Amino acid sequence: MRYIVMIRRTRTGYSADVPDLPGCVAAAKTIETTRKEISRAVAMHVESMRKRGNAIPPPRQEMKFAADEDAEENFCTWVDVKQKAARR
């Protein structure tokens, strides 16, 4: 699965969120570290949902994106999540 991730410049670095996974966020000082942290956050978020028996939302294939004119930097990327085999 590949989830779309929004990364935005903040006063102290960068923040990231996943529109398909409300509450799944990460922040760091650099883009590279923010990408690593959101990747970990997505994996933990999905695993937590699985353990609770919640349905995992399918990732959207596209998303309308408009740059915030007031933001210094914002962009879209993605995070790959490996799916575990179904338990029998």
C-alpha atoms as a PDB file:
ATOM      1  CA  MET A   1       0.000   0.000   0.000  1.00  0.00           C
ATOM      2  CA  ARG A   2       1.165   3.506  -0.760  1.00  0.00           C
ATOM      3  CA  TYR A   3      -0.273   6.379   1.274  1.00  0.00           C
ATOM      4  CA  ILE A   4      -0.103  10.019   0.199  1.00  0.00           C
ATOM      5  CA  VAL A   5       1.764  12.210   2.699  1.00  0.00           C
ATOM      6  CA  MET A   6       1.614  15.987   3.020  1.00  0.00           C
ATOM      7  CA  ILE A   7       4.787  17.685   4.253  1.00  0.00           C
ATOM      8  CA  ARG A   8       4.790  21.318   5.297  1.00  0.00           C
ATOM      9  CA  ARG A   9       7.477  23.714   6.455  1.00  0.00           C
ATOM     10  CA  THR A  10       6.972  24.890  10.035  1.00  0.00           C
ATOM     11  CA  ARG A  11       8.689  27.487  12.174  1.00  0.00           C
ATOM     12  CA  THR A  12      10.990  24.806  13.625  1.00  0.00           C
ATOM     13  CA  GLY A  13      11.330  22.323  10.745  1.00  0.00           C
ATOM     14  CA  TYR A  14       8.749  20.196   8.928  1.00  0.00           C
ATOM     15  CA  SER A  15       5.515  18.423   9.780  1.00  0.00           C
ATOM     16  CA  ALA A  16       3.849  15.553   7.942  1.00  0.00           C
ATOM     17  CA  ASP A  17       0.369  14.076   7.953  1.00  0.00           C
ATOM     18  CA  VAL A  18      -1.484  11.350   6.069  1.00  0.00           C
ATOM     19  CA  PRO A  19      -4.948  12.411   4.856  1.00  0.00           C
ATOM     20  CA  ASP A  20      -6.185   8.794   4.715  1.00  0.00           C
ATOM     21  CA  LEU A  21      -5.064   8.094   8.301  1.00  0.00           C
ATOM     22  CA  PRO A  22      -6.437  10.865  10.554  1.00  0.00           C
ATOM     23  CA  GLY A  23      -4.190  11.454  13.549  1.00  0.00           C
ATOM     24  CA  CYS A  24      -1.119   9.962  11.879  1.00  0.00           C
ATOM     25  CA  VAL A  25       1.466  12.761  12.070  1.00  0.00           C
ATOM     26  CA  ALA A  26       5.188  13.331  12.494  1.00  0.00           C
ATOM     27  CA  ALA A  27       7.573  16.269  12.738  1.00  0.00           C
ATOM     28  CA  ALA A  28      11.320  16.815  12.563  1.00  0.00           C
ATOM     29  CA  LYS A  29      13.928  19.445  11.721  1.00  0.00           C
ATOM     30  CA  THR A  30      14.742  18.164   8.203  1.00  0.00           C
ATOM     31  CA  ILE A  31      12.674  16.823   5.322  1.00  0.00           C
ATOM     32  CA  GLU A  32      14.672  13.582   5.293  1.00  0.00           C
ATOM     33  CA  THR A  33      14.071  12.933   8.992  1.00  0.00           C
ATOM     34  CA  THR A  34      10.415  13.933   8.676  1.00  0.00           C
ATOM     35  CA  ARG A  35       9.971  11.364   5.879  1.00  0.00           C
ATOM     36  CA  LYS A  36      11.576   8.665   8.026  1.00  0.00           C
ATOM     37  CA  GLU A  37       9.429   9.574  11.029  1.00  0.00           C
ATOM     38  CA  ILE A  38       6.158   9.635   9.075  1.00  0.00           C
ATOM     39  CA  SER A  39       7.056   6.270   7.565  1.00  0.00           C
ATOM     40  CA  ARG A  40       7.452   4.845  11.074  1.00  0.00           C
ATOM     41  CA  ALA A  41       4.260   6.580  12.217  1.00  0.00           C
ATOM     42  CA  VAL A  42       2.242   5.096   9.353  1.00  0.00           C
ATOM     43  CA  ALA A  43       3.531   1.588  10.078  1.00  0.00           C
ATOM     44  CA  MET A  44       2.690   1.934  13.790  1.00  0.00           C
ATOM     45  CA  HIS A  45      -0.698   3.520  13.053  1.00  0.00           C
ATOM     46  CA  VAL A  46      -1.716   0.728  10.650  1.00  0.00           C
ATOM     47  CA  GLU A  47      -0.463  -1.995  13.013  1.00  0.00           C
ATOM     48  CA  SER A  48      -2.388  -0.431  15.905  1.00  0.00           C
ATOM     49  CA  MET A  49      -5.553  -0.361  13.800  1.00  0.00           C
ATOM     50  CA  ARG A  50      -5.046  -4.023  12.878  1.00  0.00           C
ATOM     51  CA  LYS A  51      -4.567  -5.038  16.526  1.00  0.00           C
ATOM     52  CA  ARG A  52      -7.796  -3.241  17.494  1.00  0.00           C
ATOM     53  CA  GLY A  53      -9.647  -4.961  14.658  1.00  0.00           C
ATOM     54  CA  ASN A  54     -10.324  -1.712  12.800  1.00  0.00           C
ATOM     55  CA  ALA A  55     -10.582  -1.667   9.024  1.00  0.00           C
ATOM     56  CA  ILE A  56      -7.495  -0.203   7.362  1.00  0.00           C
ATOM     57  CA  PRO A  57      -8.577   2.583   4.995  1.00  0.00           C
ATOM     58  CA  PRO A  58      -7.406   2.015   1.445  1.00  0.00           C
ATOM     59  CA  PRO A  59      -4.985   4.657   0.215  1.00  0.00           C
ATOM     60  CA  ARG A  60      -6.416   7.076  -2.294  1.00  0.00           C
ATOM     61  CA  GLN A  61      -4.898   6.981  -5.742  1.00  0.00           C
ATOM     62  CA  GLU A  62      -5.027  10.710  -6.300  1.00  0.00           C
ATOM     63  CA  MET A  63      -5.647  13.901  -4.412  1.00  0.00           C
ATOM     64  CA  LYS A  64      -6.234  17.518  -5.369  1.00  0.00           C
ATOM     65  CA  PHE A  65      -3.389  19.624  -4.087  1.00  0.00           C
ATOM     66  CA  ALA A  66      -3.049  23.386  -3.934  1.00  0.00           C
ATOM     67  CA  ALA A  67       0.020  25.117  -2.565  1.00  0.00           C
ATOM     68  CA  ASP A  68      -0.592  27.403   0.389  1.00  0.00           C
ATOM     69  CA  GLU A  69       0.519  30.821  -0.798  1.00  0.00           C
ATOM     70  CA  ASP A  70       1.502  31.819   2.750  1.00  0.00           C
ATOM     71  CA  ALA A  71       3.631  28.724   3.351  1.00  0.00           C
ATOM     72  CA  GLU A  72       7.350  28.752   2.736  1.00  0.00           C
ATOM     73  CA  GLU A  73       7.303  25.150   1.545  1.00  0.00           C
ATOM     74  CA  ASN A  74       4.744  22.386   1.203  1.00  0.00           C
ATOM     75  CA  PHE A  75       4.588  19.323  -0.966  1.00  0.00           C
ATOM     76  CA  CYS A  76       3.147  15.894  -1.425  1.00  0.00           C
ATOM     77  CA  THR A  77       4.985  12.557  -1.331  1.00  0.00           C
ATOM     78  CA  TRP A  78       4.093   8.998  -0.331  1.00  0.00           C
ATOM     79  CA  VAL A  79       4.923   6.252   2.144  1.00  0.00           C
ATOM     80  CA  ASP A  80       4.895   2.556   1.256  1.00  0.00           C
ATOM     81  CA  VAL A  81       3.390   0.229   3.860  1.00  0.00           C
ATOM     82  CA  LYS A  82       4.027  -3.484   3.648  1.00  0.00           C
ATOM     83  CA  GLN A  83       0.915  -5.558   4.154  1.00  0.00           C
ATOM     84  CA  LYS A  84       1.085  -8.509   6.508  1.00  0.00           C
ATOM     85  CA  ALA A  85      -0.384 -11.792   5.364  1.00  0.00           C
ATOM     86  CA  ALA A  86      -3.887 -12.453   6.649  1.00  0.00           C
ATOM     87  CA  ARG A  87      -3.994 -14.626   9.751  1.00  0.00           C
ATOM     88  CA  ARG A  88      -5.833 -17.929   9.569  1.00  0.00           C
END
